[in-house]
Every structure is written in C-alpha cells, then in structure tokens.
Amino acid sequence: MTDATRDVLDFFDNVGVLLRHKVISLELVWSAYCYWNLRCWTACQGSVCWLRDVESDSTYYDGFEYLFQQMLKAEKEKKGKKAHISEQELQEFIDEEMKL
C-alpha cells in the first residue's frame, strides 16, 4: 500500500470518526465527500481487509468503513435507490485519480 493510498484511507477514516461522534453532520459529509468515499472504499476494501487480517486488528480503518455505510444509507434516502459503482465506473475513477 502506497503512502498516497494510506493518506486517503487516513483522511476518510478521520472523517468517519468525526461523523460517528457527531462532530460533523451527515448532510455536510454526504455533500462534500460521498462521491469519493463510495469509490475509494470500493477500490480499497480488499486492501483494508488484508491489512486487518495481517495485523490481526479489525479496527484498522473502521471509521472509513463506518463512513462508507453511512454514505450508502444517505444515498438511498436522498436518491431513492441503492448506490452502485460498476466495474467500469470504478476503473474510470481509478484512472482519473492516477493522473493527479
């Protein structure tokens, strides 16, 4: 896992912790970060599971996972349908992010 990937995971983990403790509102987080959170978690979930397994610590990035679950709920509530990131959408997102 690269340092840049860890930076993204750490950022979303921190946002998730702030949301869980009601320091920031769901509306604000959904508006500002939902698009990236859904895609980043989808892209990185396997790596997070691997890290949890290797370190024998299920708490790694649990704030990020919590944030993802809350974004899924908010998407369904706001848009009336479950969020779905297709393989093609995910690959396009990753390709665009790699250009940055």
N, C-alpha and C. Protein backbone atom coordinates (compact mmCIF):
# COMPACT_ATOMS: atom_id res chain seq x y z
N MET A 1 0.85 -1.17 0.00
CA MET A 1 0.00 0.00 0.00
C MET A 1 0.90 1.24 0.00
N THR A 2 0.64 2.14 -0.93
CA THR A 2 1.49 3.33 -1.05
C THR A 2 1.16 4.35 0.04
N ASP A 3 2.07 5.29 0.23
CA ASP A 3 1.83 6.37 1.18
C ASP A 3 0.62 7.20 0.77
N ALA A 4 0.47 7.43 -0.52
CA ALA A 4 -0.68 8.21 -1.01
C ALA A 4 -1.99 7.50 -0.70
N THR A 5 -2.00 6.19 -0.87
CA THR A 5 -3.21 5.41 -0.54
C THR A 5 -3.50 5.50 0.95
N ARG A 6 -2.49 5.37 1.76
CA ARG A 6 -2.68 5.48 3.21
C ARG A 6 -3.20 6.86 3.59
N ASP A 7 -2.72 7.88 2.92
CA ASP A 7 -3.21 9.24 3.20
C ASP A 7 -4.71 9.34 2.93
N VAL A 8 -5.15 8.76 1.84
CA VAL A 8 -6.59 8.77 1.51
C VAL A 8 -7.37 7.97 2.55
N LEU A 9 -6.89 6.78 2.88
CA LEU A 9 -7.56 5.96 3.88
C LEU A 9 -7.62 6.67 5.23
N ASP A 10 -6.52 7.29 5.62
CA ASP A 10 -6.48 8.02 6.89
C ASP A 10 -7.47 9.18 6.89
N PHE A 11 -7.52 9.91 5.78
CA PHE A 11 -8.44 11.04 5.69
C PHE A 11 -9.88 10.58 5.90
N PHE A 12 -10.31 9.58 5.13
CA PHE A 12 -11.69 9.11 5.24
C PHE A 12 -11.95 8.44 6.59
N ASP A 13 -10.94 7.82 7.17
CA ASP A 13 -11.09 7.24 8.49
C ASP A 13 -11.38 8.35 9.50
N ASN A 14 -10.64 9.44 9.41
CA ASN A 14 -10.85 10.57 10.32
C ASN A 14 -12.22 11.20 10.13
N VAL A 15 -12.65 11.35 8.88
CA VAL A 15 -13.98 11.91 8.63
C VAL A 15 -15.04 10.99 9.24
N GLY A 16 -14.86 9.69 9.09
CA GLY A 16 -15.80 8.74 9.66
C GLY A 16 -15.87 8.82 11.18
N VAL A 17 -14.72 8.99 11.82
CA VAL A 17 -14.69 9.14 13.28
C VAL A 17 -15.42 10.42 13.69
N LEU A 18 -15.18 11.51 12.97
CA LEU A 18 -15.87 12.77 13.27
C LEU A 18 -17.38 12.63 13.09
N LEU A 19 -17.78 11.92 12.06
CA LEU A 19 -19.21 11.71 11.82
C LEU A 19 -19.81 10.84 12.92
N ARG A 20 -19.14 9.78 13.26
CA ARG A 20 -19.63 8.86 14.30
C ARG A 20 -19.86 9.59 15.63
N HIS A 21 -18.98 10.54 15.93
CA HIS A 21 -19.07 11.29 17.19
C HIS A 21 -19.85 12.59 17.05
N LYS A 22 -20.51 12.73 15.91
CA LYS A 22 -21.40 13.87 15.65
C LYS A 22 -20.69 15.23 15.72
N VAL A 23 -19.43 15.24 15.36
CA VAL A 23 -18.67 16.48 15.28
C VAL A 23 -19.02 17.21 13.99
N ILE A 24 -19.32 16.44 12.96
CA ILE A 24 -19.77 16.98 11.68
C ILE A 24 -21.07 16.28 11.29
N SER A 25 -21.84 16.96 10.48
CA SER A 25 -23.16 16.42 10.12
C SER A 25 -23.08 15.48 8.92
N LEU A 26 -24.03 14.57 8.89
CA LEU A 26 -24.14 13.65 7.76
C LEU A 26 -24.38 14.43 6.46
N GLU A 27 -25.21 15.44 6.52
CA GLU A 27 -25.51 16.25 5.33
C GLU A 27 -24.24 16.87 4.76
N LEU A 28 -23.42 17.43 5.62
CA LEU A 28 -22.17 18.05 5.17
C LEU A 28 -21.24 17.01 4.56
N VAL A 29 -21.09 15.89 5.22
CA VAL A 29 -20.20 14.84 4.73
C VAL A 29 -20.71 14.27 3.42
N TRP A 30 -22.01 14.02 3.35
CA TRP A 30 -22.58 13.48 2.12
C TRP A 30 -22.35 14.45 0.96
N SER A 31 -22.62 15.71 1.20
CA SER A 31 -22.47 16.71 0.15
C SER A 31 -21.02 16.86 -0.32
N ALA A 32 -20.11 16.82 0.61
CA ALA A 32 -18.71 17.09 0.28
C ALA A 32 -17.93 15.87 -0.18
N TYR A 33 -18.26 14.68 0.34
CA TYR A 33 -17.36 13.54 0.15
C TYR A 33 -17.98 12.25 -0.37
N CYS A 34 -19.29 12.20 -0.54
CA CYS A 34 -19.93 10.93 -0.88
C CYS A 34 -19.34 10.29 -2.15
N TYR A 35 -19.23 11.06 -3.21
CA TYR A 35 -18.73 10.54 -4.48
C TYR A 35 -17.38 9.83 -4.29
N TRP A 36 -16.45 10.50 -3.62
CA TRP A 36 -15.10 9.95 -3.45
C TRP A 36 -15.09 8.83 -2.43
N ASN A 37 -15.86 8.98 -1.37
CA ASN A 37 -15.88 7.93 -0.35
C ASN A 37 -16.38 6.61 -0.91
N LEU A 38 -17.48 6.64 -1.64
CA LEU A 38 -18.02 5.40 -2.19
C LEU A 38 -17.03 4.72 -3.11
N ARG A 39 -16.37 5.48 -3.93
CA ARG A 39 -15.42 4.91 -4.88
C ARG A 39 -14.12 4.47 -4.22
N CYS A 40 -13.62 5.28 -3.30
CA CYS A 40 -12.37 4.92 -2.63
C CYS A 40 -12.53 3.67 -1.77
N TRP A 41 -13.65 3.58 -1.02
CA TRP A 41 -13.84 2.38 -0.22
C TRP A 41 -13.98 1.15 -1.12
N THR A 42 -14.75 1.29 -2.19
CA THR A 42 -14.93 0.17 -3.11
C THR A 42 -13.59 -0.28 -3.67
N ALA A 43 -12.73 0.67 -4.01
CA ALA A 43 -11.42 0.34 -4.58
C ALA A 43 -10.47 -0.23 -3.53
N CYS A 44 -10.58 0.22 -2.29
CA CYS A 44 -9.59 -0.14 -1.27
C CYS A 44 -10.06 -1.18 -0.26
N GLN A 45 -11.29 -1.60 -0.34
CA GLN A 45 -11.84 -2.51 0.66
C GLN A 45 -10.99 -3.78 0.79
N GLY A 46 -10.57 -4.35 -0.32
CA GLY A 46 -9.75 -5.56 -0.26
C GLY A 46 -8.44 -5.33 0.47
N SER A 47 -7.82 -4.19 0.24
CA SER A 47 -6.56 -3.87 0.93
C SER A 47 -6.78 -3.68 2.42
N VAL A 48 -7.89 -3.05 2.78
CA VAL A 48 -8.20 -2.85 4.19
C VAL A 48 -8.43 -4.21 4.87
N CYS A 49 -9.18 -5.08 4.22
CA CYS A 49 -9.41 -6.42 4.78
C CYS A 49 -8.10 -7.18 4.93
N TRP A 50 -7.24 -7.07 3.94
CA TRP A 50 -5.92 -7.71 4.00
C TRP A 50 -5.12 -7.17 5.19
N LEU A 51 -5.09 -5.84 5.36
CA LEU A 51 -4.35 -5.22 6.44
C LEU A 51 -4.90 -5.66 7.79
N ARG A 52 -6.21 -5.69 7.92
CA ARG A 52 -6.83 -6.14 9.17
C ARG A 52 -6.42 -7.57 9.49
N ASP A 53 -6.38 -8.40 8.47
CA ASP A 53 -6.01 -9.80 8.66
C ASP A 53 -4.54 -9.93 9.04
N VAL A 54 -3.68 -9.26 8.32
CA VAL A 54 -2.24 -9.34 8.57
C VAL A 54 -1.89 -8.83 9.96
N GLU A 55 -2.53 -7.75 10.35
CA GLU A 55 -2.24 -7.13 11.65
C GLU A 55 -3.09 -7.72 12.78
N SER A 56 -4.01 -8.62 12.45
CA SER A 56 -4.94 -9.19 13.43
C SER A 56 -5.63 -8.09 14.23
N ASP A 57 -6.11 -7.09 13.50
CA ASP A 57 -6.75 -5.93 14.13
C ASP A 57 -7.91 -5.47 13.26
N SER A 58 -9.11 -5.80 13.68
CA SER A 58 -10.30 -5.47 12.90
C SER A 58 -10.67 -4.00 12.97
N THR A 59 -9.93 -3.22 13.75
CA THR A 59 -10.27 -1.79 13.88
C THR A 59 -9.59 -0.91 12.83
N TYR A 60 -8.65 -1.47 12.08
CA TYR A 60 -8.00 -0.65 11.05
C TYR A 60 -9.05 -0.07 10.11
N TYR A 61 -9.04 1.23 10.00
CA TYR A 61 -9.91 1.98 9.10
C TYR A 61 -11.40 1.69 9.32
N ASP A 62 -11.77 1.42 10.57
CA ASP A 62 -13.18 1.20 10.84
C ASP A 62 -13.99 2.49 10.72
N GLY A 63 -13.36 3.64 10.91
CA GLY A 63 -14.04 4.91 10.67
C GLY A 63 -14.37 5.09 9.20
N PHE A 64 -13.47 4.67 8.34
CA PHE A 64 -13.69 4.74 6.89
C PHE A 64 -14.85 3.82 6.50
N GLU A 65 -14.85 2.62 7.04
CA GLU A 65 -15.92 1.69 6.73
C GLU A 65 -17.27 2.22 7.25
N TYR A 66 -17.26 2.79 8.45
CA TYR A 66 -18.48 3.39 9.00
C TYR A 66 -18.98 4.51 8.08
N LEU A 67 -18.07 5.35 7.64
CA LEU A 67 -18.42 6.44 6.73
C LEU A 67 -19.04 5.89 5.44
N PHE A 68 -18.46 4.85 4.89
CA PHE A 68 -18.99 4.22 3.69
C PHE A 68 -20.43 3.75 3.91
N GLN A 69 -20.66 3.07 5.02
CA GLN A 69 -22.01 2.58 5.31
C GLN A 69 -23.00 3.73 5.45
N GLN A 70 -22.58 4.81 6.08
CA GLN A 70 -23.45 5.97 6.24
C GLN A 70 -23.72 6.64 4.89
N MET A 71 -22.73 6.66 4.01
CA MET A 71 -22.92 7.25 2.69
C MET A 71 -23.90 6.40 1.87
N LEU A 72 -23.82 5.09 2.00
CA LEU A 72 -24.78 4.22 1.31
C LEU A 72 -26.20 4.51 1.77
N LYS A 73 -26.38 4.65 3.08
CA LYS A 73 -27.70 4.95 3.63
C LYS A 73 -28.19 6.31 3.14
N ALA A 74 -27.32 7.30 3.16
CA ALA A 74 -27.70 8.65 2.73
C ALA A 74 -28.05 8.67 1.25
N GLU A 75 -27.30 7.96 0.44
CA GLU A 75 -27.58 7.89 -1.00
C GLU A 75 -28.97 7.30 -1.24
N LYS A 76 -29.28 6.24 -0.53
CA LYS A 76 -30.58 5.60 -0.70
C LYS A 76 -31.70 6.54 -0.26
N GLU A 77 -31.49 7.21 0.85
CA GLU A 77 -32.50 8.14 1.37
C GLU A 77 -32.69 9.33 0.43
N LYS A 78 -31.63 9.88 -0.06
CA LYS A 78 -31.71 11.09 -0.88
C LYS A 78 -32.12 10.81 -2.32
N LYS A 79 -31.65 9.72 -2.85
CA LYS A 79 -31.90 9.43 -4.27
C LYS A 79 -32.95 8.35 -4.51
N GLY A 80 -33.37 7.70 -3.43
CA GLY A 80 -34.40 6.68 -3.54
C GLY A 80 -33.93 5.37 -4.13
N LYS A 81 -32.62 5.19 -4.23
CA LYS A 81 -32.09 3.93 -4.75
C LYS A 81 -30.73 3.67 -4.15
N LYS A 82 -30.36 2.41 -4.13
CA LYS A 82 -29.08 2.00 -3.59
C LYS A 82 -27.95 2.45 -4.51
N ALA A 83 -26.90 2.97 -3.92
CA ALA A 83 -25.73 3.36 -4.70
C ALA A 83 -25.05 2.12 -5.27
N HIS A 84 -24.63 2.21 -6.51
CA HIS A 84 -23.92 1.11 -7.14
C HIS A 84 -22.79 1.68 -7.99
N ILE A 85 -21.59 1.18 -7.75
CA ILE A 85 -20.43 1.60 -8.53
C ILE A 85 -20.07 0.41 -9.43
N SER A 86 -20.26 0.58 -10.73
CA SER A 86 -19.93 -0.51 -11.65
C SER A 86 -18.42 -0.66 -11.78
N GLU A 87 -18.01 -1.80 -12.29
CA GLU A 87 -16.58 -2.05 -12.53
C GLU A 87 -16.00 -0.98 -13.45
N GLN A 88 -16.75 -0.62 -14.48
CA GLN A 88 -16.29 0.39 -15.42
C GLN A 88 -16.15 1.76 -14.75
N GLU A 89 -17.15 2.14 -13.96
CA GLU A 89 -17.08 3.42 -13.25
C GLU A 89 -15.89 3.44 -12.29
N LEU A 90 -15.68 2.33 -11.60
CA LEU A 90 -14.57 2.25 -10.67
C LEU A 90 -13.24 2.36 -11.40
N GLN A 91 -13.10 1.68 -12.52
CA GLN A 91 -11.85 1.75 -13.27
C GLN A 91 -11.61 3.15 -13.81
N GLU A 92 -12.65 3.80 -14.31
CA GLU A 92 -12.52 5.18 -14.79
C GLU A 92 -12.11 6.12 -13.66
N PHE A 93 -12.69 5.92 -12.48
CA PHE A 93 -12.33 6.72 -11.31
C PHE A 93 -10.86 6.52 -10.97
N ILE A 94 -10.42 5.27 -10.90
CA ILE A 94 -9.03 4.98 -10.57
C ILE A 94 -8.10 5.58 -11.61
N ASP A 95 -8.43 5.44 -12.88
CA ASP A 95 -7.60 6.00 -13.94
C ASP A 95 -7.46 7.52 -13.80
N GLU A 96 -8.57 8.19 -13.50
CA GLU A 96 -8.54 9.65 -13.33
C GLU A 96 -7.71 10.03 -12.12
N GLU A 97 -7.88 9.31 -11.04
CA GLU A 97 -7.13 9.61 -9.81
C GLU A 97 -5.63 9.39 -10.01
N MET A 98 -5.27 8.40 -10.80
CA MET A 98 -3.86 8.12 -11.05
C MET A 98 -3.19 9.24 -11.85
N LYS A 99 -3.96 10.00 -12.57
CA LYS A 99 -3.43 11.12 -13.35
C LYS A 99 -3.07 12.32 -12.48
N LEU A 100 -3.63 12.37 -11.28
CA LEU A 100 -3.41 13.53 -10.40
C LEU A 100 -2.01 13.57 -9.85
